[in-house]
Amino acid sequence: MRPIRSLLASSQQMPSKLPSTEQPPKNLRSTEQTPEWMMRKGTRKMTMAHDSGYIMSEQGQEPQTQTHGTYLNDIPSELSPYYRSVPLLLRGLLFSLSTAISVFRNLAGKHMRLRFIVLQSLLGTLVSNILVEDLLFAPSRIGTEKLASKYNLPSPLSQLETVVPLFSKHSSVWDIKDEEDLATAFEPFELVHYLRYDAPLKDASPPRFDVIHASHGFGASSLSWLPALPTLVDRLGARVGLAHDAPGFGFTSRPPVNCKRDLIRYTPATSAGVGGSIVQT
């Protein structure tokens, strides 16, 4: 692979989409924008639309979009990615039950105050709704292995493999002195999820870069690169684009932590080793 500085220098020399002498007609509207994420609530379908070129747009009408590619699979109908609302009938039952309990408790005392009954009923209804929602209407909880075998992975670009970290000679993992700790860093990850985009062959000329690898940040996953990865690979003239889920994020397996030594598997150095292994394959 070429050095990062060479990659950046080459990308800065790339020509713009339109030459300075070419301007779009007035009745055409440019749609070269950031890819849009759309989640259709009715169909539960998530798609990524990447617009390109210029499209006709008449006055008073919204321009039509041209879909470059759909890179997210549909969510299976039997799975829910979010909390579902408690049915209205069940909510009424919980409110009635909370009110009855509040009245009974106040009748047992010397004084019966309406405001205490109302407050206790509302509080009891709120707590019971939260418990019922978490027990019966929570998001689907499913492991990556079952998701891959029974349904499908989140994207058509998704890959799932067992990976042994591969560290470069400059990796900070070699600063580990304890042999057992060092051996822990080399333990394989049972399941590593990553995206692989293969650029379409346009001509017989060799690609400018063999592989472009993208790493996500804290709180993200490889899917964060999904809107940009195909365009990045095509624009830079690469052959393959890769982006993996770091250990503890996304759909990559989460090894158990039984002692302090096991935390080595969740370090940035180990994540870089996972990425290095994927690039080599």
Protein backbone atom coordinates (compact mmCIF):
# COMPACT_ATOMS: atom_id res chain seq x y z
CA MET A 1 0.00 0.00 0.00
CA ARG A 2 1.12 3.56 -0.62
CA PRO A 3 1.97 5.82 2.33
CA ILE A 4 -0.75 8.04 3.76
CA ARG A 5 1.04 11.22 2.63
CA SER A 6 1.17 9.89 -0.93
CA LEU A 7 -2.54 9.01 -0.72
CA LEU A 8 -3.45 12.52 0.41
CA ALA A 9 -1.26 14.15 -2.21
CA SER A 10 -2.81 12.06 -4.95
CA SER A 11 -6.35 12.85 -3.80
CA GLN A 12 -5.61 16.59 -3.90
CA GLN A 13 -4.57 16.30 -7.55
CA MET A 14 -7.83 14.68 -8.63
CA PRO A 15 -9.83 16.76 -11.13
CA SER A 16 -13.18 18.19 -10.09
CA LYS A 17 -16.36 16.68 -11.39
CA LEU A 18 -17.08 19.48 -13.84
CA PRO A 19 -14.43 21.46 -15.75
CA SER A 20 -14.41 25.17 -15.12
CA THR A 21 -15.77 25.79 -18.63
CA GLU A 22 -18.75 23.50 -18.16
CA GLN A 23 -21.75 24.79 -16.26
CA PRO A 24 -25.05 23.02 -15.69
CA PRO A 25 -28.07 24.42 -17.53
CA LYS A 26 -30.41 26.61 -15.51
CA ASN A 27 -33.23 24.07 -15.63
CA LEU A 28 -31.02 21.40 -14.12
CA ARG A 29 -30.29 21.02 -10.45
CA SER A 30 -27.11 19.56 -9.03
CA THR A 31 -27.62 16.64 -6.66
CA GLU A 32 -24.00 16.04 -5.77
CA GLN A 33 -24.72 16.04 -2.06
CA THR A 34 -23.90 14.07 1.03
CA PRO A 35 -25.64 10.66 0.81
CA GLU A 36 -28.98 10.73 2.52
CA TRP A 37 -30.10 8.19 5.10
CA MET A 38 -33.80 7.44 5.03
CA MET A 39 -35.76 5.16 7.34
CA ARG A 40 -39.28 4.56 6.18
CA LYS A 41 -41.38 3.92 9.25
CA GLY A 42 -44.15 2.13 7.38
CA THR A 43 -41.97 -0.36 5.52
CA ARG A 44 -39.22 -0.53 8.16
CA LYS A 45 -36.71 -0.25 5.33
CA MET A 46 -33.45 1.63 5.65
CA THR A 47 -31.74 2.69 2.43
CA MET A 48 -28.82 4.84 1.49
CA ALA A 49 -29.41 6.91 -1.64
CA HIS A 50 -26.34 8.35 -3.30
CA ASP A 51 -27.28 10.94 -5.92
CA SER A 52 -25.00 11.68 -8.84
CA GLY A 53 -25.02 13.95 -11.89
CA TYR A 54 -27.73 16.42 -12.79
CA ILE A 55 -31.46 15.73 -12.97
CA MET A 56 -34.40 17.58 -14.44
CA SER A 57 -36.48 19.67 -12.03
CA GLU A 58 -39.54 21.65 -13.07
CA GLN A 59 -40.71 24.75 -11.28
CA GLY A 60 -42.84 23.94 -8.26
CA GLN A 61 -41.78 20.29 -8.16
CA GLU A 62 -39.18 18.51 -6.07
CA PRO A 63 -36.35 16.98 -8.13
CA GLN A 64 -36.32 13.23 -8.38
CA THR A 65 -33.44 11.31 -6.87
CA GLN A 66 -31.26 8.75 -8.58
CA THR A 67 -30.28 5.87 -6.35
CA HIS A 68 -26.63 4.89 -6.70
CA GLY A 69 -26.91 1.88 -4.41
CA THR A 70 -28.73 0.37 -1.47
CA TYR A 71 -26.21 -0.70 1.12
CA LEU A 72 -28.45 -1.65 4.04
CA ASN A 73 -30.58 -4.76 4.23
CA ASP A 74 -34.18 -4.64 5.39
CA ILE A 75 -34.84 -5.21 9.08
CA PRO A 76 -36.61 -8.58 9.45
CA SER A 77 -40.27 -8.05 10.24
CA GLU A 78 -40.09 -10.17 13.41
CA LEU A 79 -37.27 -8.06 14.85
CA SER A 80 -37.70 -4.62 16.38
CA PRO A 81 -34.78 -2.16 16.70
CA TYR A 82 -36.62 0.09 19.15
CA TYR A 83 -39.03 0.00 22.08
CA ARG A 84 -42.64 -0.60 21.06
CA SER A 85 -45.42 1.35 22.73
CA VAL A 86 -47.59 -0.36 25.33
CA PRO A 87 -51.12 -0.99 23.96
CA LEU A 88 -53.75 1.52 25.11
CA LEU A 89 -55.92 -1.18 26.70
CA LEU A 90 -52.98 -2.42 28.78
CA ARG A 91 -52.16 1.14 29.81
CA GLY A 92 -55.73 1.60 31.03
CA LEU A 93 -55.51 -1.63 32.98
CA LEU A 94 -52.27 -0.53 34.64
CA PHE A 95 -53.79 2.84 35.54
CA SER A 96 -56.86 1.19 37.05
CA LEU A 97 -54.71 -1.20 39.04
CA SER A 98 -52.50 1.64 40.32
CA THR A 99 -55.56 3.68 41.30
CA ALA A 100 -57.12 0.75 43.14
CA ILE A 101 -53.91 0.13 45.09
CA SER A 102 -53.64 3.83 45.98
CA VAL A 103 -57.26 4.00 47.21
CA PHE A 104 -56.84 0.84 49.27
CA ARG A 105 -53.69 2.18 50.93
CA ASN A 106 -55.35 5.48 51.79
CA LEU A 107 -58.46 3.76 53.16
CA ALA A 108 -56.25 1.87 55.56
CA GLY A 109 -55.07 5.19 57.05
CA LYS A 110 -56.94 7.67 59.18
CA HIS A 111 -57.33 10.32 56.46
CA MET A 112 -58.12 9.92 52.78
CA ARG A 113 -56.75 12.75 50.63
CA LEU A 114 -57.60 13.00 46.95
CA ARG A 115 -54.30 14.57 45.92
CA PHE A 116 -52.34 11.70 47.43
CA ILE A 117 -54.50 9.20 45.55
CA VAL A 118 -53.96 11.03 42.23
CA LEU A 119 -50.20 11.37 42.70
CA GLN A 120 -49.76 7.76 43.77
CA SER A 121 -51.91 6.55 40.87
CA LEU A 122 -49.91 8.53 38.30
CA LEU A 123 -46.59 7.46 39.77
CA GLY A 124 -47.67 3.81 39.92
CA THR A 125 -48.89 3.94 36.32
CA LEU A 126 -45.61 5.45 35.11
CA VAL A 127 -43.44 2.88 36.88
CA SER A 128 -45.60 -0.05 35.78
CA ASN A 129 -45.58 1.15 32.16
CA ILE A 130 -41.77 1.31 32.18
CA LEU A 131 -41.48 -2.20 33.63
CA VAL A 132 -44.00 -3.71 31.22
CA GLU A 133 -42.39 -1.99 28.24
CA ASP A 134 -38.94 -3.27 29.20
CA LEU A 135 -40.17 -6.83 29.82
CA LEU A 136 -42.62 -7.32 26.95
CA PHE A 137 -41.99 -4.62 24.35
CA ALA A 138 -38.21 -4.13 24.42
CA PRO A 139 -36.02 -4.09 21.27
CA SER A 140 -35.02 -7.48 19.92
CA ARG A 141 -31.84 -8.80 21.50
CA ILE A 142 -30.02 -11.18 19.19
CA GLY A 143 -26.41 -12.26 18.79
CA THR A 144 -24.38 -11.68 15.64
CA GLU A 145 -23.99 -15.38 14.89
CA LYS A 146 -27.74 -16.02 15.07
CA LEU A 147 -28.43 -12.87 13.07
CA ALA A 148 -26.15 -14.08 10.28
CA SER A 149 -27.46 -17.66 10.23
CA LYS A 150 -31.20 -17.04 10.66
CA TYR A 151 -31.64 -13.63 9.04
CA ASN A 152 -28.96 -11.54 7.34
CA LEU A 153 -26.13 -9.19 8.19
CA PRO A 154 -26.86 -5.45 8.18
CA SER A 155 -25.42 -4.73 4.73
CA PRO A 156 -24.81 -6.54 1.43
CA LEU A 157 -21.19 -5.43 1.91
CA SER A 158 -20.97 -7.18 5.30
CA GLN A 159 -18.46 -9.94 5.93
CA LEU A 160 -18.08 -12.09 9.05
CA GLU A 161 -14.87 -13.98 9.78
CA THR A 162 -12.62 -15.31 12.52
CA VAL A 163 -9.63 -13.00 12.69
CA VAL A 164 -6.24 -13.28 14.38
CA PRO A 165 -4.77 -9.79 14.97
CA LEU A 166 -1.73 -8.96 12.85
CA PHE A 167 0.51 -6.28 14.34
CA SER A 168 3.09 -4.20 12.54
CA LYS A 169 6.58 -3.82 13.97
CA HIS A 170 5.66 -0.27 15.05
CA SER A 171 2.61 -1.33 17.07
CA SER A 172 2.51 -0.38 20.75
CA VAL A 173 1.55 -3.97 21.55
CA TRP A 174 5.25 -4.90 21.43
CA ASP A 175 5.82 -2.67 24.46
CA ILE A 176 4.04 -5.27 26.59
CA LYS A 177 6.67 -7.02 28.73
CA ASP A 178 4.61 -9.80 30.27
CA GLU A 179 4.52 -12.84 27.97
CA GLU A 180 1.01 -13.88 29.02
CA ASP A 181 -0.31 -10.39 28.38
CA LEU A 182 1.35 -10.39 24.96
CA ALA A 183 -0.15 -13.78 24.14
CA THR A 184 -3.61 -12.42 25.03
CA ALA A 185 -3.27 -9.73 22.36
CA PHE A 186 -2.76 -12.43 19.71
CA GLU A 187 -5.80 -14.50 20.65
CA PRO A 188 -8.24 -14.78 17.70
CA PHE A 189 -11.58 -13.02 17.63
CA GLU A 190 -14.32 -15.53 16.91
CA LEU A 191 -16.43 -13.15 14.82
CA VAL A 192 -15.30 -9.89 13.28
CA HIS A 193 -17.76 -7.91 11.19
CA TYR A 194 -16.41 -5.69 8.45
CA LEU A 195 -17.50 -4.05 5.22
CA ARG A 196 -15.86 -4.93 1.92
CA TYR A 197 -16.55 -2.89 -1.20
CA ASP A 198 -15.00 -4.07 -4.48
CA ALA A 199 -14.78 -1.32 -7.04
CA PRO A 200 -16.22 -2.17 -10.47
CA LEU A 201 -13.65 -2.73 -13.19
CA LYS A 202 -13.74 0.26 -15.55
CA ASP A 203 -10.76 -0.43 -17.78
CA ALA A 204 -7.65 -2.55 -17.98
CA SER A 205 -5.46 -0.04 -16.16
CA PRO A 206 -4.24 -1.10 -12.71
CA PRO A 207 -5.82 0.52 -9.64
CA ARG A 208 -4.05 3.43 -7.97
CA PHE A 209 -4.35 1.74 -4.57
CA ASP A 210 -4.89 -1.89 -3.68
CA VAL A 211 -6.79 -1.32 -0.44
CA ILE A 212 -8.29 1.59 1.47
CA HIS A 213 -9.07 0.82 5.11
CA ALA A 214 -11.30 3.03 7.27
CA SER A 215 -11.40 2.92 11.08
CA HIS A 216 -14.34 4.25 13.07
CA GLY A 217 -14.22 6.26 16.28
CA PHE A 218 -15.64 5.76 19.76
CA GLY A 219 -19.37 5.04 19.84
CA ALA A 220 -19.54 4.32 16.10
CA SER A 221 -19.15 1.22 13.91
CA SER A 222 -18.14 0.24 10.41
CA LEU A 223 -21.63 1.21 9.24
CA SER A 224 -20.67 4.83 9.94
CA TRP A 225 -18.48 4.58 6.82
CA LEU A 226 -21.21 3.00 4.71
CA PRO A 227 -22.38 6.24 2.99
CA ALA A 228 -18.81 7.26 2.14
CA LEU A 229 -16.87 4.05 1.53
CA PRO A 230 -18.02 3.23 -2.05
CA THR A 231 -17.61 6.84 -3.20
CA LEU A 232 -14.21 7.12 -1.51
CA VAL A 233 -12.95 3.96 -3.19
CA ASP A 234 -14.27 4.96 -6.63
CA ARG A 235 -12.94 8.53 -6.46
CA LEU A 236 -9.45 7.52 -5.32
CA GLY A 237 -9.21 4.69 -7.81
CA ALA A 238 -8.77 1.91 -5.26
CA ARG A 239 -9.48 -1.76 -5.84
CA VAL A 240 -11.06 -2.60 -2.47
CA GLY A 241 -12.47 -0.61 0.45
CA LEU A 242 -12.56 -2.11 3.96
CA ALA A 243 -13.95 -0.97 7.31
CA HIS A 244 -14.22 -3.21 10.37
CA ASP A 245 -16.06 -3.06 13.70
CA ALA A 246 -13.56 -2.62 16.50
CA PRO A 247 -13.79 -5.11 19.41
CA GLY A 248 -16.68 -4.08 21.63
CA PHE A 249 -18.46 -2.14 18.87
CA GLY A 250 -20.95 -2.96 16.15
CA PHE A 251 -21.37 -6.63 15.27
CA THR A 252 -17.88 -7.85 16.23
CA SER A 253 -17.81 -10.41 19.05
CA ARG A 254 -17.14 -9.22 22.60
CA PRO A 255 -14.64 -11.48 24.40
CA PRO A 256 -15.34 -11.83 28.14
CA VAL A 257 -13.25 -9.82 30.58
CA ASN A 258 -12.32 -12.01 33.54
CA CYS A 259 -9.19 -10.16 34.61
CA LYS A 260 -7.22 -7.02 33.84
CA ARG A 261 -5.20 -8.84 31.20
CA ASP A 262 -8.33 -9.39 29.07
CA LEU A 263 -8.72 -5.63 28.62
CA ILE A 264 -5.79 -5.75 26.18
CA ARG A 265 -8.19 -7.11 23.58
CA TYR A 266 -10.15 -3.87 23.67
CA THR A 267 -7.26 -1.47 23.09
CA PRO A 268 -6.79 0.65 19.94
CA ALA A 269 -3.62 -1.33 19.19
CA THR A 270 -5.58 -4.59 19.08
CA SER A 271 -8.23 -3.02 16.87
CA ALA A 272 -5.47 -1.89 14.53
CA GLY A 273 -4.16 -5.46 14.53
CA VAL A 274 -7.59 -6.73 13.53
CA GLY A 275 -7.68 -4.21 10.71
CA GLY A 276 -4.19 -5.20 9.60
CA SER A 277 -5.20 -8.84 9.42
CA ILE A 278 -8.28 -8.03 7.32
CA VAL A 279 -6.20 -5.92 4.93
CA GLN A 280 -3.74 -8.77 4.43
CA THR A 281 -6.49 -11.22 3.52
